[in-house]
Each structure stands twice: as structure tokens, then as C-alpha cells.
Amino acid sequence: MADKLRIFVSGAETHVFDKREGLARMQFAYVQRMQDDMDRGITFNGERLHSPTQDQRTQFVIGQLLEALMINDSRGISMLCRYLAQHAPGLNALHVEEDGDEYSVELDWG
């Protein structure tokens, strides 16, 4: 497992997060609140899931992260990466390719 979570957009590295970095109290509370919210269910691929698996939660959070990247929400990006560092530690990189209003994502698992 790599120590960093890297985000690449159109081939350029845009964000790097140290997965070993501890969570500040507010970050921990935010990550826990995200987990608690997902315990109540998520809408994933147009379907309401009342008991999402960890893989579904991870994909849901990656979707949220893509939205944060598209609007350059640095706080949101940071918090979502903190969640991924805690709950998907094997994820080393996200490669996002933009094509107008469309985008594709490739995940690099360690």
C-alpha cells in the first residue's frame, strides 16, 4: 500500500494526500458523520441502497469527490480524500479524464 493518495486530472497531478496523516478532530467527526449518513442508505446508480457495501460506499464517495473536483471545492476534496484514506486504504490514485462535460475515471489500487 502506498502512503499517498494521488489525483490526476487530464494527466496532470492535481492533489496529493498523505494517507498516514492523522485526522484532526473536526475531520474525524466529518468522516464519521459521512459513514453514519451512509448507514441510513445511499442512492447509487439511480437505485436506493438501504445497506450499501463498503465497495458501494467507496464508489459513492468517489462520485462525490469527482463533483468536488469539478467545482474545485478544496475543503470537500480534502474531506472526501480523508474518508477514502480511512476506508479504502488500498486506493493509490484516481485518474480523471475530462472530455467536455463528460469524464471517465480509472482507479489505481495498490
PDB file of N, CA and C in Angstrom:
ATOM      1  N   MET A   1       0.839  -1.183   0.000  1.00  0.00           N
ATOM      2  CA  MET A   1       0.000   0.000   0.000  1.00  0.00           C
ATOM      3  C   MET A   1       0.882   1.243   0.000  1.00  0.00           C
ATOM      4  N   ALA A   2       0.591   2.154  -0.904  1.00  0.00           N
ATOM      5  CA  ALA A   2       1.324   3.413  -0.977  1.00  0.00           C
ATOM      6  C   ALA A   2       0.862   4.332   0.153  1.00  0.00           C
ATOM      7  N   ASP A   3       1.734   5.251   0.519  1.00  0.00           N
ATOM      8  CA  ASP A   3       1.429   6.191   1.593  1.00  0.00           C
ATOM      9  C   ASP A   3       0.657   7.414   1.113  1.00  0.00           C
ATOM     10  N   LYS A   4       0.515   7.561  -0.195  1.00  0.00           N
ATOM     11  CA  LYS A   4      -0.133   8.749  -0.761  1.00  0.00           C
ATOM     12  C   LYS A   4      -1.352   8.347  -1.588  1.00  0.00           C
ATOM     13  N   LEU A   5      -2.335   9.221  -1.587  1.00  0.00           N
ATOM     14  CA  LEU A   5      -3.475   9.131  -2.496  1.00  0.00           C
ATOM     15  C   LEU A   5      -3.300  10.298  -3.458  1.00  0.00           C
ATOM     16  N   ARG A   6      -3.158   9.969  -4.740  1.00  0.00           N
ATOM     17  CA  ARG A   6      -2.891  10.982  -5.756  1.00  0.00           C
ATOM     18  C   ARG A   6      -4.096  11.109  -6.682  1.00  0.00           C
ATOM     19  N   ILE A   7      -4.359  12.343  -7.084  1.00  0.00           N
ATOM     20  CA  ILE A   7      -5.441  12.605  -8.026  1.00  0.00           C
ATOM     21  C   ILE A   7      -4.828  13.262  -9.263  1.00  0.00           C
ATOM     22  N   PHE A   8      -5.134  12.668 -10.411  1.00  0.00           N
ATOM     23  CA  PHE A   8      -4.677  13.187 -11.689  1.00  0.00           C
ATOM     24  C   PHE A   8      -5.911  13.587 -12.495  1.00  0.00           C
ATOM     25  N   VAL A   9      -5.874  14.783 -13.061  1.00  0.00           N
ATOM     26  CA  VAL A   9      -6.956  15.246 -13.930  1.00  0.00           C
ATOM     27  C   VAL A   9      -6.330  15.561 -15.280  1.00  0.00           C
ATOM     28  N   SER A  10      -6.792  14.853 -16.303  1.00  0.00           N
ATOM     29  CA  SER A  10      -6.264  15.001 -17.664  1.00  0.00           C
ATOM     30  C   SER A  10      -4.744  14.852 -17.690  1.00  0.00           C
ATOM     31  N   GLY A  11      -4.250  13.887 -16.931  1.00  0.00           N
ATOM     32  CA  GLY A  11      -2.824  13.563 -16.920  1.00  0.00           C
ATOM     33  C   GLY A  11      -1.976  14.370 -15.958  1.00  0.00           C
ATOM     34  N   ALA A  12      -2.499  15.459 -15.427  1.00  0.00           N
ATOM     35  CA  ALA A  12      -1.730  16.308 -14.512  1.00  0.00           C
ATOM     36  C   ALA A  12      -2.090  15.976 -13.065  1.00  0.00           C
ATOM     37  N   GLU A  13      -1.082  15.812 -12.236  1.00  0.00           N
ATOM     38  CA  GLU A  13      -1.329  15.555 -10.820  1.00  0.00           C
ATOM     39  C   GLU A  13      -1.842  16.849 -10.184  1.00  0.00           C
ATOM     40  N   THR A  14      -3.052  16.785  -9.624  1.00  0.00           N
ATOM     41  CA  THR A  14      -3.668  17.989  -9.063  1.00  0.00           C
ATOM     42  C   THR A  14      -3.705  17.996  -7.543  1.00  0.00           C
ATOM     43  N   HIS A  15      -3.733  16.808  -6.919  1.00  0.00           N
ATOM     44  CA  HIS A  15      -3.811  16.724  -5.463  1.00  0.00           C
ATOM     45  C   HIS A  15      -3.046  15.494  -4.989  1.00  0.00           C
ATOM     46  N   VAL A  16      -2.396  15.650  -3.830  1.00  0.00           N
ATOM     47  CA  VAL A  16      -1.699  14.533  -3.190  1.00  0.00           C
ATOM     48  C   VAL A  16      -2.035  14.586  -1.710  1.00  0.00           C
ATOM     49  N   PHE A  17      -2.479  13.440  -1.161  1.00  0.00           N
ATOM     50  CA  PHE A  17      -2.824  13.362   0.254  1.00  0.00           C
ATOM     51  C   PHE A  17      -2.028  12.265   0.910  1.00  0.00           C
ATOM     52  N   ASP A  18      -1.482  12.571   2.064  1.00  0.00           N
ATOM     53  CA  ASP A  18      -0.739  11.585   2.845  1.00  0.00           C
ATOM     54  C   ASP A  18      -1.748  10.741   3.618  1.00  0.00           C
ATOM     55  N   LYS A  19      -1.835   9.456   3.269  1.00  0.00           N
ATOM     56  CA  LYS A  19      -2.802   8.577   3.916  1.00  0.00           C
ATOM     57  C   LYS A  19      -2.433   8.274   5.366  1.00  0.00           C
ATOM     58  N   ARG A  20      -1.180   8.508   5.738  1.00  0.00           N
ATOM     59  CA  ARG A  20      -0.738   8.228   7.107  1.00  0.00           C
ATOM     60  C   ARG A  20      -1.072   9.356   8.072  1.00  0.00           C
ATOM     61  N   GLU A  21      -1.401  10.515   7.515  1.00  0.00           N
ATOM     62  CA  GLU A  21      -1.680  11.688   8.343  1.00  0.00           C
ATOM     63  C   GLU A  21      -2.927  11.440   9.191  1.00  0.00           C
ATOM     64  N   GLY A  22      -2.820  11.691  10.455  1.00  0.00           N
ATOM     65  CA  GLY A  22      -3.957  11.515  11.355  1.00  0.00           C
ATOM     66  C   GLY A  22      -5.041  12.539  11.078  1.00  0.00           C
ATOM     67  N   LEU A  23      -6.232  12.216  11.498  1.00  0.00           N
ATOM     68  CA  LEU A  23      -7.357  13.115  11.315  1.00  0.00           C
ATOM     69  C   LEU A  23      -7.450  14.098  12.473  1.00  0.00           C
ATOM     70  N   ALA A  24      -7.637  15.354  12.139  1.00  0.00           N
ATOM     71  CA  ALA A  24      -7.943  16.339  13.175  1.00  0.00           C
ATOM     72  C   ALA A  24      -9.345  16.020  13.699  1.00  0.00           C
ATOM     73  N   ARG A  25      -9.653  16.541  14.846  1.00  0.00           N
ATOM     74  CA  ARG A  25     -10.931  16.234  15.493  1.00  0.00           C
ATOM     75  C   ARG A  25     -12.138  16.514  14.598  1.00  0.00           C
ATOM     76  N   MET A  26     -12.136  17.661  13.923  1.00  0.00           N
ATOM     77  CA  MET A  26     -13.249  18.011  13.046  1.00  0.00           C
ATOM     78  C   MET A  26     -13.285  17.093  11.828  1.00  0.00           C
ATOM     79  N   GLN A  27     -12.106  16.731  11.310  1.00  0.00           N
ATOM     80  CA  GLN A  27     -12.061  15.816  10.173  1.00  0.00           C
ATOM     81  C   GLN A  27     -12.603  14.445  10.572  1.00  0.00           C
ATOM     82  N   PHE A  28     -12.209  13.979  11.753  1.00  0.00           N
ATOM     83  CA  PHE A  28     -12.697  12.690  12.241  1.00  0.00           C
ATOM     84  C   PHE A  28     -14.218  12.727  12.355  1.00  0.00           C
ATOM     85  N   ALA A  29     -14.743  13.801  12.905  1.00  0.00           N
ATOM     86  CA  ALA A  29     -16.200  13.931  13.059  1.00  0.00           C
ATOM     87  C   ALA A  29     -16.887  13.943  11.695  1.00  0.00           C
ATOM     88  N   TYR A  30     -16.310  14.625  10.722  1.00  0.00           N
ATOM     89  CA  TYR A  30     -16.885  14.681   9.379  1.00  0.00           C
ATOM     90  C   TYR A  30     -16.898  13.294   8.734  1.00  0.00           C
ATOM     91  N   VAL A  31     -15.770  12.586   8.818  1.00  0.00           N
ATOM     92  CA  VAL A  31     -15.672  11.243   8.242  1.00  0.00           C
ATOM     93  C   VAL A  31     -16.661  10.304   8.930  1.00  0.00           C
ATOM     94  N   GLN A  32     -16.777  10.412  10.245  1.00  0.00           N
ATOM     95  CA  GLN A  32     -17.727   9.567  10.972  1.00  0.00           C
ATOM     96  C   GLN A  32     -19.172   9.900  10.590  1.00  0.00           C
ATOM     97  N   ARG A  33     -19.457  11.179  10.406  1.00  0.00           N
ATOM     98  CA  ARG A  33     -20.795  11.593  10.006  1.00  0.00           C
ATOM     99  C   ARG A  33     -21.125  11.063   8.603  1.00  0.00           C
ATOM    100  N   MET A  34     -20.134  11.073   7.709  1.00  0.00           N
ATOM    101  CA  MET A  34     -20.343  10.502   6.370  1.00  0.00           C
ATOM    102  C   MET A  34     -20.704   9.019   6.475  1.00  0.00           C
ATOM    103  N   GLN A  35     -19.958   8.303   7.300  1.00  0.00           N
ATOM    104  CA  GLN A  35     -20.206   6.870   7.478  1.00  0.00           C
ATOM    105  C   GLN A  35     -21.606   6.654   8.069  1.00  0.00           C
ATOM    106  N   ASP A  36     -21.966   7.445   9.064  1.00  0.00           N
ATOM    107  CA  ASP A  36     -23.294   7.333   9.683  1.00  0.00           C
ATOM    108  C   ASP A  36     -24.399   7.633   8.680  1.00  0.00           C
ATOM    109  N   ASP A  37     -24.204   8.668   7.853  1.00  0.00           N
ATOM    110  CA  ASP A  37     -25.199   9.003   6.829  1.00  0.00           C
ATOM    111  C   ASP A  37     -25.369   7.850   5.846  1.00  0.00           C
ATOM    112  N   MET A  38     -24.266   7.236   5.456  1.00  0.00           N
ATOM    113  CA  MET A  38     -24.349   6.122   4.515  1.00  0.00           C
ATOM    114  C   MET A  38     -24.963   4.884   5.163  1.00  0.00           C
ATOM    115  N   ASP A  39     -24.856   4.766   6.485  1.00  0.00           N
ATOM    116  CA  ASP A  39     -25.521   3.663   7.197  1.00  0.00           C
ATOM    117  C   ASP A  39     -27.029   3.719   6.987  1.00  0.00           C
ATOM    118  N   ARG A  40     -27.560   4.924   6.762  1.00  0.00           N
ATOM    119  CA  ARG A  40     -29.001   5.101   6.537  1.00  0.00           C
ATOM    120  C   ARG A  40     -29.386   4.877   5.077  1.00  0.00           C
ATOM    121  N   GLY A  41     -28.383   4.644   4.229  1.00  0.00           N
ATOM    122  CA  GLY A  41     -28.633   4.349   2.826  1.00  0.00           C
ATOM    123  C   GLY A  41     -28.077   5.420   1.907  1.00  0.00           C
ATOM    124  N   ILE A  42     -27.872   5.018   0.662  1.00  0.00           N
ATOM    125  CA  ILE A  42     -27.373   5.931  -0.369  1.00  0.00           C
ATOM    126  C   ILE A  42     -28.143   5.672  -1.658  1.00  0.00           C
ATOM    127  N   THR A  43     -28.120   6.645  -2.544  1.00  0.00           N
ATOM    128  CA  THR A  43     -28.628   6.442  -3.893  1.00  0.00           C
ATOM    129  C   THR A  43     -27.411   6.235  -4.774  1.00  0.00           C
ATOM    130  N   PHE A  44     -27.343   5.055  -5.372  1.00  0.00           N
ATOM    131  CA  PHE A  44     -26.167   4.641  -6.140  1.00  0.00           C
ATOM    132  C   PHE A  44     -26.633   4.077  -7.477  1.00  0.00           C
ATOM    133  N   ASN A  45     -26.123   4.648  -8.555  1.00  0.00           N
ATOM    134  CA  ASN A  45     -26.529   4.245  -9.913  1.00  0.00           C
ATOM    135  C   ASN A  45     -28.052   4.284 -10.084  1.00  0.00           C
ATOM    136  N   GLY A  46     -28.678   5.319  -9.519  1.00  0.00           N
ATOM    137  CA  GLY A  46     -30.115   5.502  -9.655  1.00  0.00           C
ATOM    138  C   GLY A  46     -30.965   4.597  -8.783  1.00  0.00           C
ATOM    139  N   GLU A  47     -30.340   3.833  -7.922  1.00  0.00           N
ATOM    140  CA  GLU A  47     -31.068   2.895  -7.058  1.00  0.00           C
ATOM    141  C   GLU A  47     -30.799   3.232  -5.596  1.00  0.00           C
ATOM    142  N   ARG A  48     -31.834   3.170  -4.788  1.00  0.00           N
ATOM    143  CA  ARG A  48     -31.690   3.416  -3.349  1.00  0.00           C
ATOM    144  C   ARG A  48     -31.210   2.133  -2.684  1.00  0.00           C
ATOM    145  N   LEU A  49     -30.049   2.210  -2.040  1.00  0.00           N
ATOM    146  CA  LEU A  49     -29.476   1.072  -1.322  1.00  0.00           C
ATOM    147  C   LEU A  49     -29.580   1.349   0.167  1.00  0.00           C
ATOM    148  N   HIS A  50     -30.301   0.512   0.872  1.00  0.00           N
ATOM    149  CA  HIS A  50     -30.508   0.724   2.301  1.00  0.00           C
ATOM    150  C   HIS A  50     -29.360   0.190   3.148  1.00  0.00           C
ATOM    151  N   SER A  51     -28.615  -0.770   2.624  1.00  0.00           N
ATOM    152  CA  SER A  51     -27.456  -1.331   3.331  1.00  0.00           C
ATOM    153  C   SER A  51     -26.293  -1.450   2.357  1.00  0.00           C
ATOM    154  N   PRO A  52     -25.694  -0.317   1.985  1.00  0.00           N
ATOM    155  CA  PRO A  52     -24.621  -0.375   0.988  1.00  0.00           C
ATOM    156  C   PRO A  52     -23.387  -1.099   1.528  1.00  0.00           C
ATOM    157  N   THR A  53     -22.732  -1.837   0.625  1.00  0.00           N
ATOM    158  CA  THR A  53     -21.477  -2.494   0.970  1.00  0.00           C
ATOM    159  C   THR A  53     -20.379  -1.438   1.030  1.00  0.00           C
ATOM    160  N   GLN A  54     -19.222  -1.813   1.551  1.00  0.00           N
ATOM    161  CA  GLN A  54     -18.104  -0.864   1.603  1.00  0.00           C
ATOM    162  C   GLN A  54     -17.677  -0.485   0.184  1.00  0.00           C
ATOM    163  N   ASP A  55     -17.705  -1.425  -0.759  1.00  0.00           N
ATOM    164  CA  ASP A  55     -17.357  -1.097  -2.148  1.00  0.00           C
ATOM    165  C   ASP A  55     -18.324  -0.064  -2.725  1.00  0.00           C
ATOM    166  N   GLN A  56     -19.613  -0.220  -2.460  1.00  0.00           N
ATOM    167  CA  GLN A  56     -20.602   0.748  -2.937  1.00  0.00           C
ATOM    168  C   GLN A  56     -20.392   2.101  -2.276  1.00  0.00           C
ATOM    169  N   ARG A  57     -20.073   2.101  -0.990  1.00  0.00           N
ATOM    170  CA  ARG A  57     -19.796   3.362  -0.286  1.00  0.00           C
ATOM    171  C   ARG A  57     -18.581   4.051  -0.898  1.00  0.00           C
ATOM    172  N   THR A  58     -17.551   3.268  -1.182  1.00  0.00           N
ATOM    173  CA  THR A  58     -16.333   3.831  -1.772  1.00  0.00           C
ATOM    174  C   THR A  58     -16.649   4.447  -3.123  1.00  0.00           C
ATOM    175  N   GLN A  59     -17.404   3.750  -3.961  1.00  0.00           N
ATOM    176  CA  GLN A  59     -17.762   4.284  -5.271  1.00  0.00           C
ATOM    177  C   GLN A  59     -18.633   5.534  -5.134  1.00  0.00           C
ATOM    178  N   PHE A  60     -19.522   5.538  -4.164  1.00  0.00           N
ATOM    179  CA  PHE A  60     -20.359   6.706  -3.899  1.00  0.00           C
ATOM    180  C   PHE A  60     -19.490   7.902  -3.526  1.00  0.00           C
ATOM    181  N   VAL A  61     -18.528   7.702  -2.636  1.00  0.00           N
ATOM    182  CA  VAL A  61     -17.633   8.781  -2.200  1.00  0.00           C
ATOM    183  C   VAL A  61     -16.774   9.256  -3.369  1.00  0.00           C
ATOM    184  N   ILE A  62     -16.326   8.343  -4.209  1.00  0.00           N
ATOM    185  CA  ILE A  62     -15.551   8.751  -5.387  1.00  0.00           C
ATOM    186  C   ILE A  62     -16.412   9.631  -6.289  1.00  0.00           C
ATOM    187  N   GLY A  63     -17.683   9.306  -6.442  1.00  0.00           N
ATOM    188  CA  GLY A  63     -18.588  10.165  -7.207  1.00  0.00           C
ATOM    189  C   GLY A  63     -18.694  11.554  -6.605  1.00  0.00           C
ATOM    190  N   GLN A  64     -18.794  11.613  -5.270  1.00  0.00           N
ATOM    191  CA  GLN A  64     -18.837  12.907  -4.571  1.00  0.00           C
ATOM    192  C   GLN A  64     -17.524  13.662  -4.791  1.00  0.00           C
ATOM    193  N   LEU A  65     -16.404  12.926  -4.756  1.00  0.00           N
ATOM    194  CA  LEU A  65     -15.095  13.533  -4.963  1.00  0.00           C
ATOM    195  C   LEU A  65     -14.993  14.126  -6.370  1.00  0.00           C
ATOM    196  N   LEU A  66     -15.506  13.425  -7.362  1.00  0.00           N
ATOM    197  CA  LEU A  66     -15.483  13.956  -8.730  1.00  0.00           C
ATOM    198  C   LEU A  66     -16.266  15.259  -8.818  1.00  0.00           C
ATOM    199  N   GLU A  67     -17.416  15.306  -8.163  1.00  0.00           N
ATOM    200  CA  GLU A  67     -18.191  16.549  -8.151  1.00  0.00           C
ATOM    201  C   GLU A  67     -17.401  17.675  -7.493  1.00  0.00           C
ATOM    202  N   ALA A  68     -16.730  17.379  -6.385  1.00  0.00           N
ATOM    203  CA  ALA A  68     -15.917  18.393  -5.700  1.00  0.00           C
ATOM    204  C   ALA A  68     -14.758  18.854  -6.584  1.00  0.00           C
ATOM    205  N   LEU A  69     -14.148  17.915  -7.318  1.00  0.00           N
ATOM    206  CA  LEU A  69     -13.055  18.277  -8.228  1.00  0.00           C
ATOM    207  C   LEU A  69     -13.547  19.208  -9.333  1.00  0.00           C
ATOM    208  N   MET A  70     -14.729  18.930  -9.865  1.00  0.00           N
ATOM    209  CA  MET A  70     -15.249  19.722 -10.982  1.00  0.00           C
ATOM    210  C   MET A  70     -15.548  21.164 -10.578  1.00  0.00           C
ATOM    211  N   ILE A  71     -15.870  21.400  -9.311  1.00  0.00           N
ATOM    212  CA  ILE A  71     -16.146  22.776  -8.866  1.00  0.00           C
ATOM    213  C   ILE A  71     -14.998  23.339  -8.030  1.00  0.00           C
ATOM    214  N   ASN A  72     -13.902  22.576  -7.945  1.00  0.00           N
ATOM    215  CA  ASN A  72     -12.700  22.987  -7.218  1.00  0.00           C
ATOM    216  C   ASN A  72     -13.002  23.318  -5.750  1.00  0.00           C
ATOM    217  N   ASP A  73     -13.751  22.441  -5.100  1.00  0.00           N
ATOM    218  CA  ASP A  73     -14.106  22.579  -3.682  1.00  0.00           C
ATOM    219  C   ASP A  73     -12.989  21.948  -2.845  1.00  0.00           C
ATOM    220  N   SER A  74     -11.991  22.740  -2.494  1.00  0.00           N
ATOM    221  CA  SER A  74     -10.809  22.197  -1.825  1.00  0.00           C
ATOM    222  C   SER A  74     -11.128  21.550  -0.484  1.00  0.00           C
ATOM    223  N   ARG A  75     -12.049  22.129   0.275  1.00  0.00           N
ATOM    224  CA  ARG A  75     -12.422  21.526   1.562  1.00  0.00           C
ATOM    225  C   ARG A  75     -13.106  20.175   1.345  1.00  0.00           C
ATOM    226  N   GLY A  76     -14.031  20.127   0.397  1.00  0.00           N
ATOM    227  CA  GLY A  76     -14.719  18.881   0.084  1.00  0.00           C
ATOM    228  C   GLY A  76     -13.743  17.817  -0.408  1.00  0.00           C
ATOM    229  N   ILE A  77     -12.826  18.210  -1.283  1.00  0.00           N
ATOM    230  CA  ILE A  77     -11.824  17.273  -1.798  1.00  0.00           C
ATOM    231  C   ILE A  77     -11.014  16.700  -0.648  1.00  0.00           C
ATOM    232  N   SER A  78     -10.581  17.555   0.233  1.00  0.00           N
ATOM    233  CA  SER A  78      -9.781  17.118   1.379  1.00  0.00           C
ATOM    234  C   SER A  78     -10.545  16.131   2.254  1.00  0.00           C
ATOM    235  N   MET A  79     -11.781  16.461   2.597  1.00  0.00           N
ATOM    236  CA  MET A  79     -12.574  15.586   3.469  1.00  0.00           C
ATOM    237  C   MET A  79     -12.873  14.240   2.802  1.00  0.00           C
ATOM    238  N   LEU A  80     -13.207  14.267   1.527  1.00  0.00           N
ATOM    239  CA  LEU A  80     -13.516  13.027   0.828  1.00  0.00           C
ATOM    240  C   LEU A  80     -12.270  12.158   0.687  1.00  0.00           C
ATOM    241  N   CYS A  81     -11.119  12.780   0.483  1.00  0.00           N
ATOM    242  CA  CYS A  81      -9.865  12.010   0.430  1.00  0.00           C
ATOM    243  C   CYS A  81      -9.535  11.433   1.803  1.00  0.00           C
ATOM    244  N   ARG A  82      -9.849  12.151   2.852  1.00  0.00           N
ATOM    245  CA  ARG A  82      -9.638  11.623   4.207  1.00  0.00           C
ATOM    246  C   ARG A  82     -10.513  10.388   4.424  1.00  0.00           C
ATOM    247  N   TYR A  83     -11.755  10.440   3.945  1.00  0.00           N
ATOM    248  CA  TYR A  83     -12.636   9.276   4.060  1.00  0.00           C
ATOM    249  C   TYR A  83     -12.014   8.092   3.306  1.00  0.00           C
ATOM    250  N   LEU A  84     -11.574   8.329   2.076  1.00  0.00           N
ATOM    251  CA  LEU A  84     -11.000   7.247   1.274  1.00  0.00           C
ATOM    252  C   LEU A  84      -9.733   6.694   1.910  1.00  0.00           C
ATOM    253  N   ALA A  85      -8.913   7.560   2.492  1.00  0.00           N
ATOM    254  CA  ALA A  85      -7.697   7.087   3.153  1.00  0.00           C
ATOM    255  C   ALA A  85      -8.034   6.150   4.308  1.00  0.00           C
ATOM    256  N   GLN A  86      -9.128   6.421   5.002  1.00  0.00           N
ATOM    257  CA  GLN A  86      -9.538   5.599   6.137  1.00  0.00           C
ATOM    258  C   GLN A  86     -10.261   4.323   5.713  1.00  0.00           C
ATOM    259  N   HIS A  87     -11.103   4.409   4.694  1.00  0.00           N
ATOM    260  CA  HIS A  87     -11.999   3.304   4.347  1.00  0.00           C
ATOM    261  C   HIS A  87     -11.642   2.565   3.062  1.00  0.00           C
ATOM    262  N   ALA A  88     -10.717   3.097   2.293  1.00  0.00           N
ATOM    263  CA  ALA A  88     -10.237   2.421   1.077  1.00  0.00           C
ATOM    264  C   ALA A  88      -8.723   2.615   0.997  1.00  0.00           C
ATOM    265  N   PRO A  89      -7.990   2.097   1.999  1.00  0.00           N
ATOM    266  CA  PRO A  89      -6.554   2.371   2.081  1.00  0.00           C
ATOM    267  C   PRO A  89      -5.742   1.832   0.906  1.00  0.00           C
ATOM    268  N   GLY A  90      -6.279   0.889   0.160  1.00  0.00           N
ATOM    269  CA  GLY A  90      -5.559   0.346  -0.987  1.00  0.00           C
ATOM    270  C   GLY A  90      -5.653   1.200  -2.236  1.00  0.00           C
ATOM    271  N   LEU A  91      -6.479   2.243  -2.192  1.00  0.00           N
ATOM    272  CA  LEU A  91      -6.622   3.139  -3.342  1.00  0.00           C
ATOM    273  C   LEU A  91      -5.437   4.100  -3.360  1.00  0.00           C
ATOM    274  N   ASN A  92      -4.659   4.035  -4.436  1.00  0.00           N
ATOM    275  CA  ASN A  92      -3.455   4.866  -4.529  1.00  0.00           C
ATOM    276  C   ASN A  92      -3.632   6.084  -5.420  1.00  0.00           C
ATOM    277  N   ALA A  93      -4.507   5.980  -6.431  1.00  0.00           N
ATOM    278  CA  ALA A  93      -4.656   7.116  -7.345  1.00  0.00           C
ATOM    279  C   ALA A  93      -5.990   7.058  -8.068  1.00  0.00           C
ATOM    280  N   LEU A  94      -6.483   8.242  -8.393  1.00  0.00           N
ATOM    281  CA  LEU A  94      -7.640   8.403  -9.275  1.00  0.00           C
ATOM    282  C   LEU A  94      -7.132   9.146 -10.499  1.00  0.00           C
ATOM    283  N   HIS A  95      -7.416   8.606 -11.674  1.00  0.00           N
ATOM    284  CA  HIS A  95      -7.053   9.237 -12.938  1.00  0.00           C
ATOM    285  C   HIS A  95      -8.353   9.663 -13.604  1.00  0.00           C
ATOM    286  N   VAL A  96      -8.576  10.959 -13.665  1.00  0.00           N
ATOM    287  CA  VAL A  96      -9.806  11.515 -14.229  1.00  0.00           C
ATOM    288  C   VAL A  96      -9.462  12.130 -15.582  1.00  0.00           C
ATOM    289  N   GLU A  97     -10.190  11.701 -16.603  1.00  0.00           N
ATOM    290  CA  GLU A  97     -10.021  12.273 -17.942  1.00  0.00           C
ATOM    291  C   GLU A  97     -11.289  13.030 -18.286  1.00  0.00           C
ATOM    292  N   GLU A  98     -11.122  14.303 -18.610  1.00  0.00           N
ATOM    293  CA  GLU A  98     -12.255  15.152 -18.972  1.00  0.00           C
ATOM    294  C   GLU A  98     -12.390  15.227 -20.491  1.00  0.00           C
ATOM    295  N   ASP A  99     -13.625  15.222 -20.955  1.00  0.00           N
ATOM    296  CA  ASP A  99     -13.921  15.402 -22.369  1.00  0.00           C
ATOM    297  C   ASP A  99     -15.199  16.236 -22.444  1.00  0.00           C
ATOM    298  N   GLY A 100     -15.023  17.548 -22.398  1.00  0.00           N
ATOM    299  CA  GLY A 100     -16.174  18.449 -22.354  1.00  0.00           C
ATOM    300  C   GLY A 100     -16.902  18.294 -21.041  1.00  0.00           C
ATOM    301  N   ASP A 101     -18.184  17.958 -21.098  1.00  0.00           N
ATOM    302  CA  ASP A 101     -18.984  17.757 -19.896  1.00  0.00           C
ATOM    303  C   ASP A 101     -18.917  16.315 -19.394  1.00  0.00           C
ATOM    304  N   GLU A 102     -18.248  15.457 -20.119  1.00  0.00           N
ATOM    305  CA  GLU A 102     -18.122  14.042 -19.752  1.00  0.00           C
ATOM    306  C   GLU A 102     -16.754  13.797 -19.124  1.00  0.00           C
ATOM    307  N   TYR A 103     -16.692  12.762 -18.316  1.00  0.00           N
ATOM    308  CA  TYR A 103     -15.403  12.373 -17.761  1.00  0.00           C
ATOM    309  C   TYR A 103     -15.398  10.878 -17.492  1.00  0.00           C
ATOM    310  N   SER A 104     -14.187  10.336 -17.472  1.00  0.00           N
ATOM    311  CA  SER A 104     -14.013   8.928 -17.136  1.00  0.00           C
ATOM    312  C   SER A 104     -13.003   8.850 -15.997  1.00  0.00           C
ATOM    313  N   VAL A 105     -13.105   7.780 -15.234  1.00  0.00           N
ATOM    314  CA  VAL A 105     -12.249   7.621 -14.065  1.00  0.00           C
ATOM    315  C   VAL A 105     -11.608   6.245 -14.090  1.00  0.00           C
ATOM    316  N   GLU A 106     -10.332   6.220 -13.828  1.00  0.00           N
ATOM    317  CA  GLU A 106      -9.610   4.958 -13.654  1.00  0.00           C
ATOM    318  C   GLU A 106      -9.028   4.978 -12.242  1.00  0.00           C
ATOM    319  N   LEU A 107      -9.224   3.875 -11.521  1.00  0.00           N
ATOM    320  CA  LEU A 107      -8.725   3.777 -10.152  1.00  0.00           C
ATOM    321  C   LEU A 107      -7.478   2.917 -10.136  1.00  0.00           C
ATOM    322  N   ASP A 108      -6.493   3.347  -9.373  1.00  0.00           N
ATOM    323  CA  ASP A 108      -5.241   2.599  -9.206  1.00  0.00           C
ATOM    324  C   ASP A 108      -5.214   2.041  -7.797  1.00  0.00           C
ATOM    325  N   TRP A 109      -5.431   0.730  -7.689  1.00  0.00           N
ATOM    326  CA  TRP A 109      -5.428   0.039  -6.388  1.00  0.00           C
ATOM    327  C   TRP A 109      -4.054  -0.587  -6.201  1.00  0.00           C
ATOM    328  N   GLY A 110      -3.511  -0.473  -5.011  1.00  0.00           N
ATOM    329  CA  GLY A 110      -2.175  -0.991  -4.728  1.00  0.00           C
ATOM    330  C   GLY A 110      -2.106  -2.405  -4.404  1.00  0.00           C
TER     331      GLY A 110
END
